[in-house]
Amino acid sequence: AMMGVIHSLEGVGQWQPDRGQNMLDGGA
């Protein structure tokens, strides 16, 4: 349930499954 925000970001093209490539996972 807490992962909902990640699914939302992925749905609008703002998240990818590869680690370390996103705004909130240390990629930025």
mmCIF file of all heavy atoms, coordinates in Angstrom:
data_MODEL
# 
_entry.id   MODEL 
# 
loop_
_atom_site.group_PDB 
_atom_site.id 
_atom_site.type_symbol 
_atom_site.label_atom_id 
_atom_site.label_alt_id 
_atom_site.label_comp_id 
_atom_site.label_asym_id 
_atom_site.label_entity_id 
_atom_site.label_seq_id 
_atom_site.pdbx_PDB_ins_code 
_atom_site.Cartn_x 
_atom_site.Cartn_y 
_atom_site.Cartn_z 
_atom_site.occupancy 
_atom_site.B_iso_or_equiv 
_atom_site.pdbx_formal_charge 
_atom_site.auth_seq_id 
_atom_site.auth_comp_id 
_atom_site.auth_asym_id 
_atom_site.auth_atom_id 
_atom_site.pdbx_PDB_model_num 
ATOM 1   N N   . ALA A 1 1  ? 0.830  -1.207 0.000   1.00 0.00 ? 1  ALA A N   1 
ATOM 2   C CA  . ALA A 1 1  ? 0.000  0.000  0.000   1.00 0.00 ? 1  ALA A CA  1 
ATOM 3   C C   . ALA A 1 1  ? 0.863  1.255  0.000   1.00 0.00 ? 1  ALA A C   1 
ATOM 4   O O   . ALA A 1 1  ? 0.571  2.234  -0.700  1.00 0.00 ? 1  ALA A O   1 
ATOM 5   C CB  . ALA A 1 1  ? -0.933 -0.003 1.214   1.00 0.00 ? 1  ALA A CB  1 
ATOM 6   N N   . MET A 1 2  ? 1.959  1.230  0.760   1.00 0.00 ? 2  MET A N   1 
ATOM 7   C CA  . MET A 1 2  ? 2.846  2.391  0.804   1.00 0.00 ? 2  MET A CA  1 
ATOM 8   C C   . MET A 1 2  ? 3.595  2.590  -0.507  1.00 0.00 ? 2  MET A C   1 
ATOM 9   O O   . MET A 1 2  ? 4.093  3.683  -0.779  1.00 0.00 ? 2  MET A O   1 
ATOM 10  C CB  . MET A 1 2  ? 3.843  2.244  1.954   1.00 0.00 ? 2  MET A CB  1 
ATOM 11  C CG  . MET A 1 2  ? 3.207  2.284  3.332   1.00 0.00 ? 2  MET A CG  1 
ATOM 12  S SD  . MET A 1 2  ? 4.415  2.471  4.680   1.00 0.00 ? 2  MET A SD  1 
ATOM 13  C CE  . MET A 1 2  ? 5.369  0.961  4.527   1.00 0.00 ? 2  MET A CE  1 
ATOM 14  N N   . MET A 1 3  ? 3.677  1.539  -1.315  1.00 0.00 ? 3  MET A N   1 
ATOM 15  C CA  . MET A 1 3  ? 4.355  1.643  -2.609  1.00 0.00 ? 3  MET A CA  1 
ATOM 16  C C   . MET A 1 3  ? 3.482  2.314  -3.667  1.00 0.00 ? 3  MET A C   1 
ATOM 17  O O   . MET A 1 3  ? 3.904  2.460  -4.819  1.00 0.00 ? 3  MET A O   1 
ATOM 18  C CB  . MET A 1 3  ? 4.755  0.246  -3.097  1.00 0.00 ? 3  MET A CB  1 
ATOM 19  C CG  . MET A 1 3  ? 5.895  -0.394 -2.321  1.00 0.00 ? 3  MET A CG  1 
ATOM 20  S SD  . MET A 1 3  ? 7.496  0.369  -2.674  1.00 0.00 ? 3  MET A SD  1 
ATOM 21  C CE  . MET A 1 3  ? 7.785  -0.245 -4.344  1.00 0.00 ? 3  MET A CE  1 
ATOM 22  N N   . GLY A 1 4  ? 2.290  2.726  -3.313  1.00 0.00 ? 4  GLY A N   1 
ATOM 23  C CA  . GLY A 1 4  ? 1.382  3.348  -4.276  1.00 0.00 ? 4  GLY A CA  1 
ATOM 24  C C   . GLY A 1 4  ? 1.993  4.537  -4.996  1.00 0.00 ? 4  GLY A C   1 
ATOM 25  O O   . GLY A 1 4  ? 1.780  4.726  -6.201  1.00 0.00 ? 4  GLY A O   1 
ATOM 26  N N   . VAL A 1 5  ? 2.763  5.351  -4.269  1.00 0.00 ? 5  VAL A N   1 
ATOM 27  C CA  . VAL A 1 5  ? 3.361  6.529  -4.900  1.00 0.00 ? 5  VAL A CA  1 
ATOM 28  C C   . VAL A 1 5  ? 4.351  6.122  -5.989  1.00 0.00 ? 5  VAL A C   1 
ATOM 29  O O   . VAL A 1 5  ? 4.456  6.796  -7.030  1.00 0.00 ? 5  VAL A O   1 
ATOM 30  C CB  . VAL A 1 5  ? 4.046  7.421  -3.841  1.00 0.00 ? 5  VAL A CB  1 
ATOM 31  C CG1 . VAL A 1 5  ? 5.217  6.706  -3.180  1.00 0.00 ? 5  VAL A CG1 1 
ATOM 32  C CG2 . VAL A 1 5  ? 4.520  8.734  -4.465  1.00 0.00 ? 5  VAL A CG2 1 
ATOM 33  N N   . ILE A 1 6  ? 5.064  5.017  -5.793  1.00 0.00 ? 6  ILE A N   1 
ATOM 34  C CA  . ILE A 1 6  ? 6.010  4.549  -6.805  1.00 0.00 ? 6  ILE A CA  1 
ATOM 35  C C   . ILE A 1 6  ? 5.272  4.093  -8.053  1.00 0.00 ? 6  ILE A C   1 
ATOM 36  O O   . ILE A 1 6  ? 5.663  4.403  -9.185  1.00 0.00 ? 6  ILE A O   1 
ATOM 37  C CB  . ILE A 1 6  ? 6.895  3.423  -6.243  1.00 0.00 ? 6  ILE A CB  1 
ATOM 38  C CG1 . ILE A 1 6  ? 7.590  3.872  -4.951  1.00 0.00 ? 6  ILE A CG1 1 
ATOM 39  C CG2 . ILE A 1 6  ? 7.901  2.959  -7.290  1.00 0.00 ? 6  ILE A CG2 1 
ATOM 40  C CD1 . ILE A 1 6  ? 8.470  5.090  -5.119  1.00 0.00 ? 6  ILE A CD1 1 
ATOM 41  N N   . HIS A 1 7  ? 4.172  3.357  -7.858  1.00 0.00 ? 7  HIS A N   1 
ATOM 42  C CA  . HIS A 1 7  ? 3.368  2.923  -9.001  1.00 0.00 ? 7  HIS A CA  1 
ATOM 43  C C   . HIS A 1 7  ? 2.789  4.137  -9.744  1.00 0.00 ? 7  HIS A C   1 
ATOM 44  O O   . HIS A 1 7  ? 2.704  4.134  -10.978 1.00 0.00 ? 7  HIS A O   1 
ATOM 45  C CB  . HIS A 1 7  ? 2.234  2.010  -8.534  1.00 0.00 ? 7  HIS A CB  1 
ATOM 46  C CG  . HIS A 1 7  ? 2.710  0.673  -8.039  1.00 0.00 ? 7  HIS A CG  1 
ATOM 47  N ND1 . HIS A 1 7  ? 3.088  -0.343 -8.885  1.00 0.00 ? 7  HIS A ND1 1 
ATOM 48  C CD2 . HIS A 1 7  ? 2.870  0.188  -6.789  1.00 0.00 ? 7  HIS A CD2 1 
ATOM 49  C CE1 . HIS A 1 7  ? 3.449  -1.395 -8.182  1.00 0.00 ? 7  HIS A CE1 1 
ATOM 50  N NE2 . HIS A 1 7  ? 3.332  -1.099 -6.896  1.00 0.00 ? 7  HIS A NE2 1 
ATOM 51  N N   . SER A 1 8  ? 2.409  5.160  -8.978  1.00 0.00 ? 8  SER A N   1 
ATOM 52  C CA  . SER A 1 8  ? 1.863  6.369  -9.610  1.00 0.00 ? 8  SER A CA  1 
ATOM 53  C C   . SER A 1 8  ? 2.907  7.074  -10.455 1.00 0.00 ? 8  SER A C   1 
ATOM 54  O O   . SER A 1 8  ? 2.642  7.480  -11.592 1.00 0.00 ? 8  SER A O   1 
ATOM 55  C CB  . SER A 1 8  ? 1.324  7.323  -8.536  1.00 0.00 ? 8  SER A CB  1 
ATOM 56  O OG  . SER A 1 8  ? 0.253  6.738  -7.825  1.00 0.00 ? 8  SER A OG  1 
ATOM 57  N N   . LEU A 1 9  ? 4.115  7.217  -9.901  1.00 0.00 ? 9  LEU A N   1 
ATOM 58  C CA  . LEU A 1 9  ? 5.190  7.871  -10.652 1.00 0.00 ? 9  LEU A CA  1 
ATOM 59  C C   . LEU A 1 9  ? 5.554  7.062  -11.898 1.00 0.00 ? 9  LEU A C   1 
ATOM 60  O O   . LEU A 1 9  ? 5.795  7.628  -12.963 1.00 0.00 ? 9  LEU A O   1 
ATOM 61  C CB  . LEU A 1 9  ? 6.414  8.049  -9.755  1.00 0.00 ? 9  LEU A CB  1 
ATOM 62  C CG  . LEU A 1 9  ? 6.289  9.081  -8.634  1.00 0.00 ? 9  LEU A CG  1 
ATOM 63  C CD1 . LEU A 1 9  ? 7.484  9.005  -7.690  1.00 0.00 ? 9  LEU A CD1 1 
ATOM 64  C CD2 . LEU A 1 9  ? 6.162  10.492 -9.205  1.00 0.00 ? 9  LEU A CD2 1 
ATOM 65  N N   . GLU A 1 10 ? 5.580  5.744  -11.759 1.00 0.00 ? 10 GLU A N   1 
ATOM 66  C CA  . GLU A 1 10 ? 5.888  4.900  -12.911 1.00 0.00 ? 10 GLU A CA  1 
ATOM 67  C C   . GLU A 1 10 ? 4.831  5.047  -13.989 1.00 0.00 ? 10 GLU A C   1 
ATOM 68  O O   . GLU A 1 10 ? 5.138  5.068  -15.193 1.00 0.00 ? 10 GLU A O   1 
ATOM 69  C CB  . GLU A 1 10 ? 6.002  3.438  -12.463 1.00 0.00 ? 10 GLU A CB  1 
ATOM 70  C CG  . GLU A 1 10 ? 6.528  2.475  -13.506 1.00 0.00 ? 10 GLU A CG  1 
ATOM 71  C CD  . GLU A 1 10 ? 5.438  1.892  -14.396 1.00 0.00 ? 10 GLU A CD  1 
ATOM 72  O OE1 . GLU A 1 10 ? 4.259  1.912  -13.985 1.00 0.00 ? 10 GLU A OE1 1 
ATOM 73  O OE2 . GLU A 1 10 ? 5.769  1.423  -15.496 1.00 0.00 ? 10 GLU A OE2 1 
ATOM 74  N N   . GLY A 1 11 ? 3.591  5.186  -13.553 1.00 0.00 ? 11 GLY A N   1 
ATOM 75  C CA  . GLY A 1 11 ? 2.495  5.294  -14.504 1.00 0.00 ? 11 GLY A CA  1 
ATOM 76  C C   . GLY A 1 11 ? 2.534  6.542  -15.357 1.00 0.00 ? 11 GLY A C   1 
ATOM 77  O O   . GLY A 1 11 ? 1.976  6.560  -16.464 1.00 0.00 ? 11 GLY A O   1 
ATOM 78  N N   . VAL A 1 12 ? 3.188  7.598  -14.869 1.00 0.00 ? 12 VAL A N   1 
ATOM 79  C CA  . VAL A 1 12 ? 3.277  8.842  -15.644 1.00 0.00 ? 12 VAL A CA  1 
ATOM 80  C C   . VAL A 1 12 ? 4.695  9.047  -16.187 1.00 0.00 ? 12 VAL A C   1 
ATOM 81  O O   . VAL A 1 12 ? 5.090  10.158 -16.525 1.00 0.00 ? 12 VAL A O   1 
ATOM 82  C CB  . VAL A 1 12 ? 2.837  10.062 -14.804 1.00 0.00 ? 12 VAL A CB  1 
ATOM 83  C CG1 . VAL A 1 12 ? 1.356  9.953  -14.462 1.00 0.00 ? 12 VAL A CG1 1 
ATOM 84  C CG2 . VAL A 1 12 ? 3.679  10.202 -13.531 1.00 0.00 ? 12 VAL A CG2 1 
ATOM 85  N N   . GLY A 1 13 ? 5.474  7.950  -16.218 1.00 0.00 ? 13 GLY A N   1 
ATOM 86  C CA  . GLY A 1 13 ? 6.794  8.017  -16.829 1.00 0.00 ? 13 GLY A CA  1 
ATOM 87  C C   . GLY A 1 13 ? 7.866  8.667  -15.991 1.00 0.00 ? 13 GLY A C   1 
ATOM 88  O O   . GLY A 1 13 ? 8.907  9.060  -16.528 1.00 0.00 ? 13 GLY A O   1 
ATOM 89  N N   . GLN A 1 14 ? 7.654  8.779  -14.676 1.00 0.00 ? 14 GLN A N   1 
ATOM 90  C CA  . GLN A 1 14 ? 8.639  9.438  -13.823 1.00 0.00 ? 14 GLN A CA  1 
ATOM 91  C C   . GLN A 1 14 ? 9.379  8.460  -12.916 1.00 0.00 ? 14 GLN A C   1 
ATOM 92  O O   . GLN A 1 14 ? 10.058 8.871  -11.970 1.00 0.00 ? 14 GLN A O   1 
ATOM 93  C CB  . GLN A 1 14 ? 7.961  10.526 -12.981 1.00 0.00 ? 14 GLN A CB  1 
ATOM 94  C CG  . GLN A 1 14 ? 7.397  11.660 -13.819 1.00 0.00 ? 14 GLN A CG  1 
ATOM 95  C CD  . GLN A 1 14 ? 6.804  12.769 -12.977 1.00 0.00 ? 14 GLN A CD  1 
ATOM 96  O OE1 . GLN A 1 14 ? 7.089  12.877 -11.782 1.00 0.00 ? 14 GLN A OE1 1 
ATOM 97  N NE2 . GLN A 1 14 ? 5.983  13.594 -13.585 1.00 0.00 ? 14 GLN A NE2 1 
ATOM 98  N N   . TRP A 1 15 ? 9.249  7.170  -13.182 1.00 0.00 ? 15 TRP A N   1 
ATOM 99  C CA  . TRP A 1 15 ? 9.974  6.180  -12.386 1.00 0.00 ? 15 TRP A CA  1 
ATOM 100 C C   . TRP A 1 15 ? 10.275 4.987  -13.268 1.00 0.00 ? 15 TRP A C   1 
ATOM 101 O O   . TRP A 1 15 ? 9.447  4.579  -14.077 1.00 0.00 ? 15 TRP A O   1 
ATOM 102 C CB  . TRP A 1 15 ? 9.146  5.729  -11.186 1.00 0.00 ? 15 TRP A CB  1 
ATOM 103 C CG  . TRP A 1 15 ? 9.966  4.989  -10.157 1.00 0.00 ? 15 TRP A CG  1 
ATOM 104 C CD1 . TRP A 1 15 ? 10.275 3.665  -10.139 1.00 0.00 ? 15 TRP A CD1 1 
ATOM 105 C CD2 . TRP A 1 15 ? 10.585 5.558  -8.999  1.00 0.00 ? 15 TRP A CD2 1 
ATOM 106 N NE1 . TRP A 1 15 ? 11.058 3.359  -9.056  1.00 0.00 ? 15 TRP A NE1 1 
ATOM 107 C CE2 . TRP A 1 15 ? 11.259 4.494  -8.326  1.00 0.00 ? 15 TRP A CE2 1 
ATOM 108 C CE3 . TRP A 1 15 ? 10.643 6.840  -8.464  1.00 0.00 ? 15 TRP A CE3 1 
ATOM 109 C CZ2 . TRP A 1 15 ? 11.987 4.697  -7.148  1.00 0.00 ? 15 TRP A CZ2 1 
ATOM 110 C CZ3 . TRP A 1 15 ? 11.352 7.029  -7.294  1.00 0.00 ? 15 TRP A CZ3 1 
ATOM 111 C CH2 . TRP A 1 15 ? 12.008 5.980  -6.639  1.00 0.00 ? 15 TRP A CH2 1 
ATOM 112 N N   . GLN A 1 16 ? 11.480 4.428  -13.113 1.00 0.00 ? 16 GLN A N   1 
ATOM 113 C CA  . GLN A 1 16 ? 11.840 3.220  -13.837 1.00 0.00 ? 16 GLN A CA  1 
ATOM 114 C C   . GLN A 1 16 ? 12.314 2.168  -12.852 1.00 0.00 ? 16 GLN A C   1 
ATOM 115 O O   . GLN A 1 16 ? 12.797 2.495  -11.757 1.00 0.00 ? 16 GLN A O   1 
ATOM 116 C CB  . GLN A 1 16 ? 12.925 3.506  -14.874 1.00 0.00 ? 16 GLN A CB  1 
ATOM 117 C CG  . GLN A 1 16 ? 14.161 4.201  -14.345 1.00 0.00 ? 16 GLN A CG  1 
ATOM 118 C CD  . GLN A 1 16 ? 15.150 4.500  -15.460 1.00 0.00 ? 16 GLN A CD  1 
ATOM 119 O OE1 . GLN A 1 16 ? 15.634 3.597  -16.127 1.00 0.00 ? 16 GLN A OE1 1 
ATOM 120 N NE2 . GLN A 1 16 ? 15.424 5.784  -15.663 1.00 0.00 ? 16 GLN A NE2 1 
ATOM 121 N N   . PRO A 1 17 ? 12.164 0.883  -13.190 1.00 0.00 ? 17 PRO A N   1 
ATOM 122 C CA  . PRO A 1 17 ? 12.456 -0.171 -12.216 1.00 0.00 ? 17 PRO A CA  1 
ATOM 123 C C   . PRO A 1 17 ? 13.923 -0.326 -11.852 1.00 0.00 ? 17 PRO A C   1 
ATOM 124 O O   . PRO A 1 17 ? 14.235 -0.903 -10.813 1.00 0.00 ? 17 PRO A O   1 
ATOM 125 C CB  . PRO A 1 17 ? 11.919 -1.439 -12.899 1.00 0.00 ? 17 PRO A CB  1 
ATOM 126 C CG  . PRO A 1 17 ? 11.887 -1.103 -14.350 1.00 0.00 ? 17 PRO A CG  1 
ATOM 127 C CD  . PRO A 1 17 ? 11.586 0.361  -14.428 1.00 0.00 ? 17 PRO A CD  1 
ATOM 128 N N   . ASP A 1 18 ? 14.843 0.169  -12.674 1.00 0.00 ? 18 ASP A N   1 
ATOM 129 C CA  . ASP A 1 18 ? 16.262 0.049  -12.354 1.00 0.00 ? 18 ASP A CA  1 
ATOM 130 C C   . ASP A 1 18 ? 16.607 0.898  -11.135 1.00 0.00 ? 18 ASP A C   1 
ATOM 131 O O   . ASP A 1 18 ? 16.271 2.089  -11.066 1.00 0.00 ? 18 ASP A O   1 
ATOM 132 C CB  . ASP A 1 18 ? 17.117 0.493  -13.539 1.00 0.00 ? 18 ASP A CB  1 
ATOM 133 C CG  . ASP A 1 18 ? 16.958 -0.423 -14.743 1.00 0.00 ? 18 ASP A CG  1 
ATOM 134 O OD1 . ASP A 1 18 ? 16.626 -1.614 -14.533 1.00 0.00 ? 18 ASP A OD1 1 
ATOM 135 O OD2 . ASP A 1 18 ? 17.145 0.047  -15.881 1.00 0.00 ? 18 ASP A OD2 1 
ATOM 136 N N   . ARG A 1 19 ? 17.307 0.289  -10.171 1.00 0.00 ? 19 ARG A N   1 
ATOM 137 C CA  . ARG A 1 19 ? 17.663 1.009  -8.953  1.00 0.00 ? 19 ARG A CA  1 
ATOM 138 C C   . ARG A 1 19 ? 18.694 2.100  -9.231  1.00 0.00 ? 19 ARG A C   1 
ATOM 139 O O   . ARG A 1 19 ? 19.516 1.994  -10.135 1.00 0.00 ? 19 ARG A O   1 
ATOM 140 C CB  . ARG A 1 19 ? 18.229 0.033  -7.916  1.00 0.00 ? 19 ARG A CB  1 
ATOM 141 C CG  . ARG A 1 19 ? 17.185 -0.859 -7.304  1.00 0.00 ? 19 ARG A CG  1 
ATOM 142 C CD  . ARG A 1 19 ? 17.761 -1.729 -6.204  1.00 0.00 ? 19 ARG A CD  1 
ATOM 143 N NE  . ARG A 1 19 ? 18.650 -2.757 -6.717  1.00 0.00 ? 19 ARG A NE  1 
ATOM 144 C CZ  . ARG A 1 19 ? 19.911 -2.906 -6.355  1.00 0.00 ? 19 ARG A CZ  1 
ATOM 145 N NH1 . ARG A 1 19 ? 20.456 -2.073 -5.493  1.00 0.00 ? 19 ARG A NH1 1 
ATOM 146 N NH2 . ARG A 1 19 ? 20.646 -3.880 -6.847  1.00 0.00 ? 19 ARG A NH2 1 
ATOM 147 N N   . GLY A 1 20 ? 18.633 3.151  -8.424  1.00 0.00 ? 20 GLY A N   1 
ATOM 148 C CA  . GLY A 1 20 ? 19.608 4.222  -8.512  1.00 0.00 ? 20 GLY A CA  1 
ATOM 149 C C   . GLY A 1 20 ? 19.485 5.102  -9.728  1.00 0.00 ? 20 GLY A C   1 
ATOM 150 O O   . GLY A 1 20 ? 20.442 5.783  -10.103 1.00 0.00 ? 20 GLY A O   1 
ATOM 151 N N   . GLN A 1 21 ? 18.293 5.122  -10.333 1.00 0.00 ? 21 GLN A N   1 
ATOM 152 C CA  . GLN A 1 21 ? 18.090 5.913  -11.540 1.00 0.00 ? 21 GLN A CA  1 
ATOM 153 C C   . GLN A 1 21 ? 16.970 6.940  -11.391 1.00 0.00 ? 21 GLN A C   1 
ATOM 154 O O   . GLN A 1 21 ? 16.636 7.627  -12.353 1.00 0.00 ? 21 GLN A O   1 
ATOM 155 C CB  . GLN A 1 21 ? 17.747 4.989  -12.720 1.00 0.00 ? 21 GLN A CB  1 
ATOM 156 C CG  . GLN A 1 21 ? 18.765 3.906  -12.986 1.00 0.00 ? 21 GLN A CG  1 
ATOM 157 C CD  . GLN A 1 21 ? 20.126 4.460  -13.365 1.00 0.00 ? 21 GLN A CD  1 
ATOM 158 O OE1 . GLN A 1 21 ? 20.223 5.390  -14.166 1.00 0.00 ? 21 GLN A OE1 1 
ATOM 159 N NE2 . GLN A 1 21 ? 21.172 3.899  -12.790 1.00 0.00 ? 21 GLN A NE2 1 
ATOM 160 N N   . ASN A 1 22 ? 16.424 7.055  -10.180 1.00 0.00 ? 22 ASN A N   1 
ATOM 161 C CA  . ASN A 1 22 ? 15.206 7.853  -9.999  1.00 0.00 ? 22 ASN A CA  1 
ATOM 162 C C   . ASN A 1 22 ? 15.399 8.973  -8.987  1.00 0.00 ? 22 ASN A C   1 
ATOM 163 O O   . ASN A 1 22 ? 16.407 9.028  -8.273  1.00 0.00 ? 22 ASN A O   1 
ATOM 164 C CB  . ASN A 1 22 ? 14.074 6.930  -9.556  1.00 0.00 ? 22 ASN A CB  1 
ATOM 165 C CG  . ASN A 1 22 ? 13.794 5.832  -10.564 1.00 0.00 ? 22 ASN A CG  1 
ATOM 166 O OD1 . ASN A 1 22 ? 13.242 6.069  -11.623 1.00 0.00 ? 22 ASN A OD1 1 
ATOM 167 N ND2 . ASN A 1 22 ? 14.213 4.605  -10.233 1.00 0.00 ? 22 ASN A ND2 1 
ATOM 168 N N   . MET A 1 23 ? 14.411 9.824  -8.923  1.00 0.00 ? 23 MET A N   1 
ATOM 169 C CA  . MET A 1 23 ? 14.508 11.016 -8.084  1.00 0.00 ? 23 MET A CA  1 
ATOM 170 C C   . MET A 1 23 ? 14.671 10.672 -6.605  1.00 0.00 ? 23 MET A C   1 
ATOM 171 O O   . MET A 1 23 ? 15.424 11.339 -5.887  1.00 0.00 ? 23 MET A O   1 
ATOM 172 C CB  . MET A 1 23 ? 13.250 11.877 -8.269  1.00 0.00 ? 23 MET A CB  1 
ATOM 173 C CG  . MET A 1 23 ? 13.219 13.125 -7.401  1.00 0.00 ? 23 MET A CG  1 
ATOM 174 S SD  . MET A 1 23 ? 11.753 14.130 -7.690  1.00 0.00 ? 23 MET A SD  1 
ATOM 175 C CE  . MET A 1 23 ? 10.452 13.051 -7.070  1.00 0.00 ? 23 MET A CE  1 
ATOM 176 N N   . LEU A 1 24 ? 13.992 9.629  -6.119  1.00 0.00 ? 24 LEU A N   1 
ATOM 177 C CA  . LEU A 1 24 ? 13.954 9.360  -4.691  1.00 0.00 ? 24 LEU A CA  1 
ATOM 178 C C   . LEU A 1 24 ? 14.800 8.171  -4.260  1.00 0.00 ? 24 LEU A C   1 
ATOM 179 O O   . LEU A 1 24 ? 14.715 7.751  -3.107  1.00 0.00 ? 24 LEU A O   1 
ATOM 180 C CB  . LEU A 1 24 ? 12.494 9.138  -4.240  1.00 0.00 ? 24 LEU A CB  1 
ATOM 181 C CG  . LEU A 1 24 ? 11.529 10.306 -4.462  1.00 0.00 ? 24 LEU A CG  1 
ATOM 182 C CD1 . LEU A 1 24 ? 10.115 9.905  -4.069  1.00 0.00 ? 24 LEU A CD1 1 
ATOM 183 C CD2 . LEU A 1 24 ? 11.978 11.529 -3.664  1.00 0.00 ? 24 LEU A CD2 1 
ATOM 184 N N   . ASP A 1 25 ? 15.578 7.583  -5.158  1.00 0.00 ? 25 ASP A N   1 
ATOM 185 C CA  . ASP A 1 25 ? 16.355 6.398  -4.787  1.00 0.00 ? 25 ASP A CA  1 
ATOM 186 C C   . ASP A 1 25 ? 17.860 6.628  -4.851  1.00 0.00 ? 25 ASP A C   1 
ATOM 187 O O   . ASP A 1 25 ? 18.641 5.676  -4.907  1.00 0.00 ? 25 ASP A O   1 
ATOM 188 C CB  . ASP A 1 25 ? 15.964 5.203  -5.673  1.00 0.00 ? 25 ASP A CB  1 
ATOM 189 C CG  . ASP A 1 25 ? 16.302 5.405  -7.150  1.00 0.00 ? 25 ASP A CG  1 
ATOM 190 O OD1 . ASP A 1 25 ? 16.842 6.477  -7.504  1.00 0.00 ? 25 ASP A OD1 1 
ATOM 191 O OD2 . ASP A 1 25 ? 16.025 4.490  -7.942  1.00 0.00 ? 25 ASP A OD2 1 
ATOM 192 N N   . GLY A 1 26 ? 18.275 7.882  -4.816  1.00 0.00 ? 26 GLY A N   1 
ATOM 193 C CA  . GLY A 1 26 ? 19.696 8.201  -4.877  1.00 0.00 ? 26 GLY A CA  1 
ATOM 194 C C   . GLY A 1 26 ? 20.209 8.475  -6.271  1.00 0.00 ? 26 GLY A C   1 
ATOM 195 O O   . GLY A 1 26 ? 21.372 8.851  -6.446  1.00 0.00 ? 26 GLY A O   1 
ATOM 196 N N   . GLY A 1 27 ? 19.348 8.310  -7.278  1.00 0.00 ? 27 GLY A N   1 
ATOM 197 C CA  . GLY A 1 27 ? 19.770 8.562  -8.646  1.00 0.00 ? 27 GLY A CA  1 
ATOM 198 C C   . GLY A 1 27 ? 19.962 10.036 -8.938  1.00 0.00 ? 27 GLY A C   1 
ATOM 199 O O   . GLY A 1 27 ? 20.837 10.418 -9.718  1.00 0.00 ? 27 GLY A O   1 
ATOM 200 N N   . ALA A 1 28 ? 19.155 10.877 -8.298  1.00 0.00 ? 28 ALA A N   1 
ATOM 201 C CA  . ALA A 1 28 ? 19.251 12.325 -8.514  1.00 0.00 ? 28 ALA A CA  1 
ATOM 202 C C   . ALA A 1 28 ? 20.315 12.915 -7.596  1.00 0.00 ? 28 ALA A C   1 
ATOM 203 O O   . ALA A 1 28 ? 20.359 12.603 -6.400  1.00 0.00 ? 28 ALA A O   1 
ATOM 204 C CB  . ALA A 1 28 ? 17.902 12.988 -8.244  1.00 0.00 ? 28 ALA A CB  1 
# 
